[in-house]
Amino acid sequence: MKTAHLFAAIVLLGPIAAPAVAQQATVRIAIKNHKFAPVAPRAPANQPFTLVVRNLDSTPAEFESKSLRVERIVAAGGEVAIQMRALNAGRYAFFDDFHIDTTEGELIVQ
């Protein structure tokens, strides 16, 4: 009988005792014709998120940001997912290092 009571307590208290898992935000950026879309994506402040960069061009790109401390090659027709740390509210510049004259953007964290 004691085993049945213990099992019932675990079943009933399990959901209460388990920590809540927050859904992590995803920010998506595309590169097409050597330009970012959107140019100024938004991300939540003070929480980690996933940044997905998709290259729709037929040439490789290099997503780079000194303020975000990110530098990733994105193959032609490829996509990269970057796990970002929690950021303070602000603006963070990024660019395509292979096409810096046409490809610049700014992540707005709020």
PDB file of N, CA and C in Angstrom:
ATOM      1  N   MET A   1       0.815  -1.183   0.000  1.00  0.00           N
ATOM      2  CA  MET A   1       0.000   0.000   0.000  1.00  0.00           C
ATOM      3  C   MET A   1       0.869   1.262   0.000  1.00  0.00           C
ATOM      4  N   LYS A   2       1.986   1.243   0.725  1.00  0.00           N
ATOM      5  CA  LYS A   2       2.853   2.412   0.774  1.00  0.00           C
ATOM      6  C   LYS A   2       3.395   2.753  -0.606  1.00  0.00           C
ATOM      7  N   THR A   3       3.717   1.764  -1.408  1.00  0.00           N
ATOM      8  CA  THR A   3       4.230   1.990  -2.760  1.00  0.00           C
ATOM      9  C   THR A   3       3.193   2.706  -3.607  1.00  0.00           C
ATOM     10  N   ALA A   4       1.953   2.335  -3.488  1.00  0.00           N
ATOM     11  CA  ALA A   4       0.881   2.976  -4.257  1.00  0.00           C
ATOM     12  C   ALA A   4       0.740   4.435  -3.872  1.00  0.00           C
ATOM     13  N   HIS A   5       0.859   4.762  -2.601  1.00  0.00           N
ATOM     14  CA  HIS A   5       0.765   6.152  -2.139  1.00  0.00           C
ATOM     15  C   HIS A   5       1.951   6.981  -2.648  1.00  0.00           C
ATOM     16  N   LEU A   6       3.141   6.403  -2.617  1.00  0.00           N
ATOM     17  CA  LEU A   6       4.327   7.090  -3.099  1.00  0.00           C
ATOM     18  C   LEU A   6       4.205   7.369  -4.592  1.00  0.00           C
ATOM     19  N   PHE A   7       3.742   6.372  -5.348  1.00  0.00           N
ATOM     20  CA  PHE A   7       3.554   6.541  -6.783  1.00  0.00           C
ATOM     21  C   PHE A   7       2.529   7.645  -7.057  1.00  0.00           C
ATOM     22  N   ALA A   8       1.437   7.663  -6.331  1.00  0.00           N
ATOM     23  CA  ALA A   8       0.399   8.684  -6.512  1.00  0.00           C
ATOM     24  C   ALA A   8       0.955  10.071  -6.192  1.00  0.00           C
ATOM     25  N   ALA A   9       1.773  10.185  -5.168  1.00  0.00           N
ATOM     26  CA  ALA A   9       2.372  11.476  -4.815  1.00  0.00           C
ATOM     27  C   ALA A   9       3.311  11.960  -5.905  1.00  0.00           C
ATOM     28  N   ILE A  10       4.099  11.072  -6.479  1.00  0.00           N
ATOM     29  CA  ILE A  10       5.020  11.449  -7.552  1.00  0.00           C
ATOM     30  C   ILE A  10       4.240  11.900  -8.775  1.00  0.00           C
ATOM     31  N   VAL A  11       3.194  11.157  -9.126  1.00  0.00           N
ATOM     32  CA  VAL A  11       2.381  11.509 -10.293  1.00  0.00           C
ATOM     33  C   VAL A  11       1.710  12.855 -10.085  1.00  0.00           C
ATOM     34  N   LEU A  12       1.185  13.093  -8.910  1.00  0.00           N
ATOM     35  CA  LEU A  12       0.466  14.343  -8.652  1.00  0.00           C
ATOM     36  C   LEU A  12       1.391  15.538  -8.491  1.00  0.00           C
ATOM     37  N   LEU A  13       2.538  15.362  -7.876  1.00  0.00           N
ATOM     38  CA  LEU A  13       3.445  16.465  -7.618  1.00  0.00           C
ATOM     39  C   LEU A  13       4.478  16.664  -8.721  1.00  0.00           C
ATOM     40  N   GLY A  14       4.663  15.689  -9.563  1.00  0.00           N
ATOM     41  CA  GLY A  14       5.658  15.762 -10.626  1.00  0.00           C
ATOM     42  C   GLY A  14       5.564  17.030 -11.456  1.00  0.00           C
ATOM     43  N   PRO A  15       4.399  17.357 -12.021  1.00  0.00           N
ATOM     44  CA  PRO A  15       4.304  18.567 -12.838  1.00  0.00           C
ATOM     45  C   PRO A  15       4.575  19.844 -12.054  1.00  0.00           C
ATOM     46  N   ILE A  16       4.253  19.854 -10.774  1.00  0.00           N
ATOM     47  CA  ILE A  16       4.476  21.053  -9.954  1.00  0.00           C
ATOM     48  C   ILE A  16       5.960  21.202  -9.644  1.00  0.00           C
ATOM     49  N   ALA A  17       6.614  20.103  -9.377  1.00  0.00           N
ATOM     50  CA  ALA A  17       8.012  20.143  -8.989  1.00  0.00           C
ATOM     51  C   ALA A  17       8.950  20.362 -10.183  1.00  0.00           C
ATOM     52  N   ALA A  18       8.509  20.009 -11.387  1.00  0.00           N
ATOM     53  CA  ALA A  18       9.362  20.155 -12.571  1.00  0.00           C
ATOM     54  C   ALA A  18       9.501  21.626 -12.939  1.00  0.00           C
ATOM     55  N   PRO A  19      10.722  22.075 -13.245  1.00  0.00           N
ATOM     56  CA  PRO A  19      10.899  23.484 -13.618  1.00  0.00           C
ATOM     57  C   PRO A  19      10.259  23.762 -14.976  1.00  0.00           C
ATOM     58  N   ALA A  20       9.734  24.954 -15.110  1.00  0.00           N
ATOM     59  CA  ALA A  20       9.122  25.355 -16.374  1.00  0.00           C
ATOM     60  C   ALA A  20      10.217  25.630 -17.399  1.00  0.00           C
ATOM     61  N   VAL A  21      10.031  25.150 -18.604  1.00  0.00           N
ATOM     62  CA  VAL A  21      10.995  25.357 -19.670  1.00  0.00           C
ATOM     63  C   VAL A  21      10.434  26.412 -20.605  1.00  0.00           C
ATOM     64  N   ALA A  22      11.099  27.543 -20.680  1.00  0.00           N
ATOM     65  CA  ALA A  22      10.641  28.635 -21.530  1.00  0.00           C
ATOM     66  C   ALA A  22      10.997  28.341 -22.981  1.00  0.00           C
ATOM     67  N   GLN A  23      10.120  28.741 -23.868  1.00  0.00           N
ATOM     68  CA  GLN A  23      10.380  28.593 -25.296  1.00  0.00           C
ATOM     69  C   GLN A  23      11.432  29.618 -25.700  1.00  0.00           C
ATOM     70  N   GLN A  24      12.517  29.162 -26.313  1.00  0.00           N
ATOM     71  CA  GLN A  24      13.591  30.058 -26.734  1.00  0.00           C
ATOM     72  C   GLN A  24      13.191  30.733 -28.039  1.00  0.00           C
ATOM     73  N   ALA A  25      13.405  32.032 -28.133  1.00  0.00           N
ATOM     74  CA  ALA A  25      13.072  32.793 -29.331  1.00  0.00           C
ATOM     75  C   ALA A  25      14.026  32.447 -30.469  1.00  0.00           C
ATOM     76  N   THR A  26      13.524  32.564 -31.692  1.00  0.00           N
ATOM     77  CA  THR A  26      14.332  32.382 -32.891  1.00  0.00           C
ATOM     78  C   THR A  26      14.214  33.631 -33.740  1.00  0.00           C
ATOM     79  N   VAL A  27      15.357  34.179 -34.126  1.00  0.00           N
ATOM     80  CA  VAL A  27      15.411  35.349 -35.006  1.00  0.00           C
ATOM     81  C   VAL A  27      15.952  34.858 -36.337  1.00  0.00           C
ATOM     82  N   ARG A  28      15.235  35.162 -37.429  1.00  0.00           N
ATOM     83  CA  ARG A  28      15.632  34.695 -38.759  1.00  0.00           C
ATOM     84  C   ARG A  28      16.048  35.868 -39.639  1.00  0.00           C
ATOM     85  N   ILE A  29      17.162  35.665 -40.337  1.00  0.00           N
ATOM     86  CA  ILE A  29      17.671  36.658 -41.286  1.00  0.00           C
ATOM     87  C   ILE A  29      17.978  35.924 -42.582  1.00  0.00           C
ATOM     88  N   ALA A  30      17.595  36.518 -43.705  1.00  0.00           N
ATOM     89  CA  ALA A  30      17.927  35.959 -45.014  1.00  0.00           C
ATOM     90  C   ALA A  30      18.895  36.898 -45.721  1.00  0.00           C
ATOM     91  N   ILE A  31      19.723  36.315 -46.565  1.00  0.00           N
ATOM     92  CA  ILE A  31      20.613  37.102 -47.432  1.00  0.00           C
ATOM     93  C   ILE A  31      20.183  36.807 -48.865  1.00  0.00           C
ATOM     94  N   LYS A  32      19.796  37.851 -49.584  1.00  0.00           N
ATOM     95  CA  LYS A  32      19.394  37.704 -50.984  1.00  0.00           C
ATOM     96  C   LYS A  32      19.891  38.913 -51.751  1.00  0.00           C
ATOM     97  N   ASN A  33      20.521  38.663 -52.892  1.00  0.00           N
ATOM     98  CA  ASN A  33      21.127  39.735 -53.689  1.00  0.00           C
ATOM     99  C   ASN A  33      22.109  40.548 -52.852  1.00  0.00           C
ATOM    100  N   HIS A  34      22.826  39.861 -51.975  1.00  0.00           N
ATOM    101  CA  HIS A  34      23.837  40.464 -51.100  1.00  0.00           C
ATOM    102  C   HIS A  34      23.258  41.552 -50.205  1.00  0.00           C
ATOM    103  N   LYS A  35      22.023  41.331 -49.746  1.00  0.00           N
ATOM    104  CA  LYS A  35      21.368  42.247 -48.795  1.00  0.00           C
ATOM    105  C   LYS A  35      20.651  41.408 -47.747  1.00  0.00           C
ATOM    106  N   PHE A  36      20.581  41.947 -46.518  1.00  0.00           N
ATOM    107  CA  PHE A  36      19.881  41.264 -45.447  1.00  0.00           C
ATOM    108  C   PHE A  36      18.401  41.596 -45.469  1.00  0.00           C
ATOM    109  N   ALA A  37      17.581  40.627 -45.115  1.00  0.00           N
ATOM    110  CA  ALA A  37      16.141  40.833 -44.948  1.00  0.00           C
ATOM    111  C   ALA A  37      15.711  40.008 -43.742  1.00  0.00           C
ATOM    112  N   PRO A  38      15.204  40.652 -42.713  1.00  0.00           N
ATOM    113  CA  PRO A  38      15.086  42.099 -42.548  1.00  0.00           C
ATOM    114  C   PRO A  38      16.444  42.720 -42.218  1.00  0.00           C
ATOM    115  N   VAL A  39      16.549  44.002 -42.479  1.00  0.00           N
ATOM    116  CA  VAL A  39      17.787  44.743 -42.209  1.00  0.00           C
ATOM    117  C   VAL A  39      17.951  44.993 -40.718  1.00  0.00           C
ATOM    118  N   ALA A  40      16.834  45.108 -40.006  1.00  0.00           N
ATOM    119  CA  ALA A  40      16.888  45.387 -38.564  1.00  0.00           C
ATOM    120  C   ALA A  40      15.973  44.414 -37.812  1.00  0.00           C
ATOM    121  N   PRO A  41      16.370  43.136 -37.725  1.00  0.00           N
ATOM    122  CA  PRO A  41      15.556  42.179 -36.973  1.00  0.00           C
ATOM    123  C   PRO A  41      15.577  42.512 -35.482  1.00  0.00           C
ATOM    124  N   ARG A  42      14.596  41.991 -34.773  1.00  0.00           N
ATOM    125  CA  ARG A  42      14.473  42.249 -33.335  1.00  0.00           C
ATOM    126  C   ARG A  42      14.634  40.955 -32.546  1.00  0.00           C
ATOM    127  N   ALA A  43      15.234  41.091 -31.372  1.00  0.00           N
ATOM    128  CA  ALA A  43      15.445  39.958 -30.477  1.00  0.00           C
ATOM    129  C   ALA A  43      15.085  40.376 -29.058  1.00  0.00           C
ATOM    130  N   PRO A  44      14.691  39.422 -28.220  1.00  0.00           N
ATOM    131  CA  PRO A  44      14.350  39.753 -26.832  1.00  0.00           C
ATOM    132  C   PRO A  44      15.601  40.030 -26.001  1.00  0.00           C
ATOM    133  N   ALA A  45      15.506  41.004 -25.125  1.00  0.00           N
ATOM    134  CA  ALA A  45      16.627  41.342 -24.239  1.00  0.00           C
ATOM    135  C   ALA A  45      16.698  40.361 -23.073  1.00  0.00           C
ATOM    136  N   ASN A  46      17.890  40.160 -22.587  1.00  0.00           N
ATOM    137  CA  ASN A  46      18.166  39.417 -21.357  1.00  0.00           C
ATOM    138  C   ASN A  46      17.739  37.952 -21.393  1.00  0.00           C
ATOM    139  N   GLN A  47      17.700  37.360 -22.571  1.00  0.00           N
ATOM    140  CA  GLN A  47      17.433  35.928 -22.667  1.00  0.00           C
ATOM    141  C   GLN A  47      18.113  35.358 -23.908  1.00  0.00           C
ATOM    142  N   PRO A  48      18.630  34.155 -23.805  1.00  0.00           N
ATOM    143  CA  PRO A  48      19.284  33.543 -24.954  1.00  0.00           C
ATOM    144  C   PRO A  48      18.280  33.336 -26.087  1.00  0.00           C
ATOM    145  N   PHE A  49      18.781  33.287 -27.313  1.00  0.00           N
ATOM    146  CA  PHE A  49      17.915  33.052 -28.469  1.00  0.00           C
ATOM    147  C   PHE A  49      18.743  32.389 -29.565  1.00  0.00           C
ATOM    148  N   THR A  50      18.064  31.910 -30.582  1.00  0.00           N
ATOM    149  CA  THR A  50      18.725  31.302 -31.732  1.00  0.00           C
ATOM    150  C   THR A  50      18.651  32.269 -32.900  1.00  0.00           C
ATOM    151  N   LEU A  51      19.772  32.529 -33.516  1.00  0.00           N
ATOM    152  CA  LEU A  51      19.842  33.378 -34.700  1.00  0.00           C
ATOM    153  C   LEU A  51      20.061  32.461 -35.899  1.00  0.00           C
ATOM    154  N   VAL A  52      19.120  32.473 -36.844  1.00  0.00           N
ATOM    155  CA  VAL A  52      19.211  31.639 -38.037  1.00  0.00           C
ATOM    156  C   VAL A  52      19.485  32.554 -39.219  1.00  0.00           C
ATOM    157  N   VAL A  53      20.589  32.284 -39.927  1.00  0.00           N
ATOM    158  CA  VAL A  53      20.966  33.075 -41.100  1.00  0.00           C
ATOM    159  C   VAL A  53      20.897  32.149 -42.305  1.00  0.00           C
ATOM    160  N   ARG A  54      20.062  32.520 -43.265  1.00  0.00           N
ATOM    161  CA  ARG A  54      19.886  31.716 -44.481  1.00  0.00           C
ATOM    162  C   ARG A  54      20.398  32.494 -45.680  1.00  0.00           C
ATOM    163  N   ASN A  55      21.254  31.860 -46.466  1.00  0.00           N
ATOM    164  CA  ASN A  55      21.848  32.498 -47.635  1.00  0.00           C
ATOM    165  C   ASN A  55      21.109  32.021 -48.885  1.00  0.00           C
ATOM    166  N   LEU A  56      20.339  32.901 -49.499  1.00  0.00           N
ATOM    167  CA  LEU A  56      19.586  32.577 -50.703  1.00  0.00           C
ATOM    168  C   LEU A  56      20.364  32.880 -51.974  1.00  0.00           C
ATOM    169  N   ASP A  57      21.579  33.390 -51.834  1.00  0.00           N
ATOM    170  CA  ASP A  57      22.413  33.721 -52.990  1.00  0.00           C
ATOM    171  C   ASP A  57      23.165  32.485 -53.485  1.00  0.00           C
ATOM    172  N   SER A  58      23.751  32.633 -54.683  1.00  0.00           N
ATOM    173  CA  SER A  58      24.503  31.530 -55.287  1.00  0.00           C
ATOM    174  C   SER A  58      25.998  31.587 -54.940  1.00  0.00           C
ATOM    175  N   THR A  59      26.363  32.520 -54.059  1.00  0.00           N
ATOM    176  CA  THR A  59      27.738  32.640 -53.593  1.00  0.00           C
ATOM    177  C   THR A  59      27.748  32.581 -52.066  1.00  0.00           C
ATOM    178  N   PRO A  60      28.850  32.156 -51.465  1.00  0.00           N
ATOM    179  CA  PRO A  60      28.902  32.109 -50.003  1.00  0.00           C
ATOM    180  C   PRO A  60      28.885  33.508 -49.385  1.00  0.00           C
ATOM    181  N   ALA A  61      28.509  33.550 -48.125  1.00  0.00           N
ATOM    182  CA  ALA A  61      28.492  34.800 -47.361  1.00  0.00           C
ATOM    183  C   ALA A  61      29.184  34.539 -46.027  1.00  0.00           C
ATOM    184  N   GLU A  62      29.637  35.611 -45.396  1.00  0.00           N
ATOM    185  CA  GLU A  62      30.197  35.493 -44.051  1.00  0.00           C
ATOM    186  C   GLU A  62      29.454  36.445 -43.138  1.00  0.00           C
ATOM    187  N   PHE A  63      28.554  35.887 -42.310  1.00  0.00           N
ATOM    188  CA  PHE A  63      27.824  36.701 -41.337  1.00  0.00           C
ATOM    189  C   PHE A  63      28.803  37.033 -40.225  1.00  0.00           C
ATOM    190  N   GLU A  64      28.997  38.336 -39.995  1.00  0.00           N
ATOM    191  CA  GLU A  64      29.963  38.758 -38.982  1.00  0.00           C
ATOM    192  C   GLU A  64      29.425  39.929 -38.177  1.00  0.00           C
ATOM    193  N   SER A  65      29.739  39.918 -36.893  1.00  0.00           N
ATOM    194  CA  SER A  65      29.412  41.021 -36.003  1.00  0.00           C
ATOM    195  C   SER A  65      30.447  41.065 -34.898  1.00  0.00           C
ATOM    196  N   LYS A  66      31.142  42.170 -34.824  1.00  0.00           N
ATOM    197  CA  LYS A  66      32.141  42.318 -33.766  1.00  0.00           C
ATOM    198  C   LYS A  66      31.455  42.471 -32.405  1.00  0.00           C
ATOM    199  N   SER A  67      30.359  43.234 -32.351  1.00  0.00           N
ATOM    200  CA  SER A  67      29.680  43.461 -31.072  1.00  0.00           C
ATOM    201  C   SER A  67      28.957  42.208 -30.567  1.00  0.00           C
ATOM    202  N   LEU A  68      28.523  41.329 -31.484  1.00  0.00           N
ATOM    203  CA  LEU A  68      27.894  40.073 -31.074  1.00  0.00           C
ATOM    204  C   LEU A  68      28.912  38.950 -30.883  1.00  0.00           C
ATOM    205  N   ARG A  69      30.157  39.212 -31.307  1.00  0.00           N
ATOM    206  CA  ARG A  69      31.223  38.214 -31.254  1.00  0.00           C
ATOM    207  C   ARG A  69      30.855  36.959 -32.050  1.00  0.00           C
ATOM    208  N   VAL A  70      30.417  37.189 -33.303  1.00  0.00           N
ATOM    209  CA  VAL A  70      30.001  36.093 -34.183  1.00  0.00           C
ATOM    210  C   VAL A  70      30.674  36.260 -35.532  1.00  0.00           C
ATOM    211  N   GLU A  71      31.126  35.149 -36.100  1.00  0.00           N
ATOM    212  CA  GLU A  71      31.689  35.139 -37.444  1.00  0.00           C
ATOM    213  C   GLU A  71      31.437  33.741 -38.006  1.00  0.00           C
ATOM    214  N   ARG A  72      30.517  33.636 -38.967  1.00  0.00           N
ATOM    215  CA  ARG A  72      30.151  32.337 -39.529  1.00  0.00           C
ATOM    216  C   ARG A  72      30.032  32.404 -41.044  1.00  0.00           C
ATOM    217  N   ILE A  73      30.585  31.418 -41.708  1.00  0.00           N
ATOM    218  CA  ILE A  73      30.429  31.263 -43.148  1.00  0.00           C
ATOM    219  C   ILE A  73      29.065  30.613 -43.396  1.00  0.00           C
ATOM    220  N   VAL A  74      28.331  31.158 -44.374  1.00  0.00           N
ATOM    221  CA  VAL A  74      27.044  30.585 -44.767  1.00  0.00           C
ATOM    222  C   VAL A  74      27.177  30.204 -46.241  1.00  0.00           C
ATOM    223  N   ALA A  75      27.167  28.924 -46.515  1.00  0.00           N
ATOM    224  CA  ALA A  75      27.330  28.437 -47.884  1.00  0.00           C
ATOM    225  C   ALA A  75      26.211  28.950 -48.781  1.00  0.00           C
ATOM    226  N   ALA A  76      26.484  29.009 -50.073  1.00  0.00           N
ATOM    227  CA  ALA A  76      25.454  29.385 -51.044  1.00  0.00           C
ATOM    228  C   ALA A  76      24.278  28.422 -50.895  1.00  0.00           C
ATOM    229  N   GLY A  77      23.092  28.978 -50.732  1.00  0.00           N
ATOM    230  CA  GLY A  77      21.901  28.152 -50.537  1.00  0.00           C
ATOM    231  C   GLY A  77      21.828  27.489 -49.180  1.00  0.00           C
ATOM    232  N   GLY A  78      22.735  27.842 -48.269  1.00  0.00           N
ATOM    233  CA  GLY A  78      22.807  27.198 -46.956  1.00  0.00           C
ATOM    234  C   GLY A  78      22.202  28.026 -45.835  1.00  0.00           C
ATOM    235  N   GLU A  79      22.304  27.465 -44.659  1.00  0.00           N
ATOM    236  CA  GLU A  79      21.725  28.090 -43.465  1.00  0.00           C
ATOM    237  C   GLU A  79      22.570  27.713 -42.264  1.00  0.00           C
ATOM    238  N   VAL A  80      22.740  28.644 -41.336  1.00  0.00           N
ATOM    239  CA  VAL A  80      23.411  28.359 -40.071  1.00  0.00           C
ATOM    240  C   VAL A  80      22.509  28.792 -38.929  1.00  0.00           C
ATOM    241  N   ALA A  81      22.552  28.049 -37.846  1.00  0.00           N
ATOM    242  CA  ALA A  81      21.829  28.393 -36.622  1.00  0.00           C
ATOM    243  C   ALA A  81      22.875  28.690 -35.561  1.00  0.00           C
ATOM    244  N   ILE A  82      22.785  29.866 -34.964  1.00  0.00           N
ATOM    245  CA  ILE A  82      23.769  30.321 -33.993  1.00  0.00           C
ATOM    246  C   ILE A  82      23.068  30.504 -32.654  1.00  0.00           C
ATOM    247  N   GLN A  83      23.548  29.820 -31.629  1.00  0.00           N
ATOM    248  CA  GLN A  83      22.979  29.978 -30.292  1.00  0.00           C
ATOM    249  C   GLN A  83      23.580  31.233 -29.671  1.00  0.00           C
ATOM    250  N   MET A  84      22.737  32.205 -29.416  1.00  0.00           N
ATOM    251  CA  MET A  84      23.185  33.499 -28.891  1.00  0.00           C
ATOM    252  C   MET A  84      22.990  33.559 -27.381  1.00  0.00           C
ATOM    253  N   ARG A  85      23.928  34.195 -26.727  1.00  0.00           N
ATOM    254  CA  ARG A  85      23.825  34.422 -25.283  1.00  0.00           C
ATOM    255  C   ARG A  85      22.775  35.506 -25.020  1.00  0.00           C
ATOM    256  N   ALA A  86      22.361  35.652 -23.810  1.00  0.00           N
ATOM    257  CA  ALA A  86      21.447  36.737 -23.450  1.00  0.00           C
ATOM    258  C   ALA A  86      22.162  38.070 -23.651  1.00  0.00           C
ATOM    259  N   LEU A  87      21.496  39.006 -24.300  1.00  0.00           N
ATOM    260  CA  LEU A  87      22.085  40.313 -24.599  1.00  0.00           C
ATOM    261  C   LEU A  87      21.328  41.414 -23.881  1.00  0.00           C
ATOM    262  N   ASN A  88      22.043  42.460 -23.521  1.00  0.00           N
ATOM    263  CA  ASN A  88      21.401  43.650 -22.984  1.00  0.00           C
ATOM    264  C   ASN A  88      20.672  44.370 -24.114  1.00  0.00           C
ATOM    265  N   ALA A  89      19.677  45.153 -23.751  1.00  0.00           N
ATOM    266  CA  ALA A  89      18.975  45.952 -24.757  1.00  0.00           C
ATOM    267  C   ALA A  89      19.979  46.854 -25.465  1.00  0.00           C
ATOM    268  N   GLY A  90      19.805  47.000 -26.766  1.00  0.00           N
ATOM    269  CA  GLY A  90      20.706  47.842 -27.538  1.00  0.00           C
ATOM    270  C   GLY A  90      20.667  47.478 -29.005  1.00  0.00           C
ATOM    271  N   ARG A  91      21.603  48.032 -29.743  1.00  0.00           N
ATOM    272  CA  ARG A  91      21.713  47.793 -31.181  1.00  0.00           C
ATOM    273  C   ARG A  91      23.075  47.179 -31.466  1.00  0.00           C
ATOM    274  N   TYR A  92      23.080  46.123 -32.279  1.00  0.00           N
ATOM    275  CA  TYR A  92      24.283  45.358 -32.562  1.00  0.00           C
ATOM    276  C   TYR A  92      24.442  45.248 -34.086  1.00  0.00           C
ATOM    277  N   ALA A  93      25.466  45.891 -34.615  1.00  0.00           N
ATOM    278  CA  ALA A  93      25.698  45.899 -36.068  1.00  0.00           C
ATOM    279  C   ALA A  93      26.208  44.545 -36.541  1.00  0.00           C
ATOM    280  N   PHE A  94      25.814  44.159 -37.769  1.00  0.00           N
ATOM    281  CA  PHE A  94      26.332  42.963 -38.409  1.00  0.00           C
ATOM    282  C   PHE A  94      26.498  43.230 -39.901  1.00  0.00           C
ATOM    283  N   PHE A  95      27.275  42.375 -40.579  1.00  0.00           N
ATOM    284  CA  PHE A  95      27.535  42.578 -42.005  1.00  0.00           C
ATOM    285  C   PHE A  95      27.974  41.258 -42.630  1.00  0.00           C
ATOM    286  N   ASP A  96      27.991  41.237 -43.956  1.00  0.00           N
ATOM    287  CA  ASP A  96      28.542  40.109 -44.711  1.00  0.00           C
ATOM    288  C   ASP A  96      29.953  40.526 -45.095  1.00  0.00           C
ATOM    289  N   ASP A  97      30.928  39.900 -44.498  1.00  0.00           N
ATOM    290  CA  ASP A  97      32.317  40.292 -44.714  1.00  0.00           C
ATOM    291  C   ASP A  97      32.765  40.091 -46.161  1.00  0.00           C
ATOM    292  N   PHE A  98      32.088  39.213 -46.903  1.00  0.00           N
ATOM    293  CA  PHE A  98      32.434  38.999 -48.305  1.00  0.00           C
ATOM    294  C   PHE A  98      31.842  40.072 -49.220  1.00  0.00           C
ATOM    295  N   HIS A  99      30.795  40.755 -48.759  1.00  0.00           N
ATOM    296  CA  HIS A  99      30.113  41.782 -49.564  1.00  0.00           C
ATOM    297  C   HIS A  99      29.775  42.981 -48.674  1.00  0.00           C
ATOM    298  N   ILE A 100      30.774  43.492 -47.981  1.00  0.00           N
ATOM    299  CA  ILE A 100      30.566  44.524 -46.978  1.00  0.00           C
ATOM    300  C   ILE A 100      29.989  45.820 -47.554  1.00  0.00           C
ATOM    301  N   ASP A 101      30.226  46.080 -48.841  1.00  0.00           N
ATOM    302  CA  ASP A 101      29.743  47.318 -49.446  1.00  0.00           C
ATOM    303  C   ASP A 101      28.221  47.335 -49.624  1.00  0.00           C
ATOM    304  N   THR A 102      27.557  46.164 -49.647  1.00  0.00           N
ATOM    305  CA  THR A 102      26.109  46.130 -49.858  1.00  0.00           C
ATOM    306  C   THR A 102      25.344  45.458 -48.731  1.00  0.00           C
ATOM    307  N   THR A 103      26.019  44.753 -47.875  1.00  0.00           N
ATOM    308  CA  THR A 103      25.314  43.920 -46.903  1.00  0.00           C
ATOM    309  C   THR A 103      25.626  44.323 -45.468  1.00  0.00           C
ATOM    310  N   GLU A 104      24.785  45.185 -44.930  1.00  0.00           N
ATOM    311  CA  GLU A 104      24.908  45.584 -43.531  1.00  0.00           C
ATOM    312  C   GLU A 104      23.543  45.525 -42.871  1.00  0.00           C
ATOM    313  N   GLY A 105      23.531  45.284 -41.571  1.00  0.00           N
ATOM    314  CA  GLY A 105      22.284  45.251 -40.827  1.00  0.00           C
ATOM    315  C   GLY A 105      22.539  45.574 -39.368  1.00  0.00           C
ATOM    316  N   GLU A 106      21.456  45.534 -38.602  1.00  0.00           N
ATOM    317  CA  GLU A 106      21.552  45.882 -37.191  1.00  0.00           C
ATOM    318  C   GLU A 106      20.521  45.076 -36.409  1.00  0.00           C
ATOM    319  N   LEU A 107      20.971  44.305 -35.432  1.00  0.00           N
ATOM    320  CA  LEU A 107      20.072  43.566 -34.562  1.00  0.00           C
ATOM    321  C   LEU A 107      19.606  44.513 -33.469  1.00  0.00           C
ATOM    322  N   ILE A 108      18.291  44.637 -33.317  1.00  0.00           N
ATOM    323  CA  ILE A 108      17.729  45.494 -32.285  1.00  0.00           C
ATOM    324  C   ILE A 108      17.236  44.573 -31.151  1.00  0.00           C
ATOM    325  N   VAL A 109      17.836  44.741 -29.994  1.00  0.00           N
ATOM    326  CA  VAL A 109      17.490  43.924 -28.829  1.00  0.00           C
ATOM    327  C   VAL A 109      16.725  44.812 -27.873  1.00  0.00           C
ATOM    328  N   GLN A 110      15.512  44.364 -27.542  1.00  0.00           N
ATOM    329  CA  GLN A 110      14.662  45.151 -26.629  1.00  0.00           C
ATOM    330  C   GLN A 110      13.840  44.255 -25.743  1.00  0.00           C
TER     331      GLN A 110
END
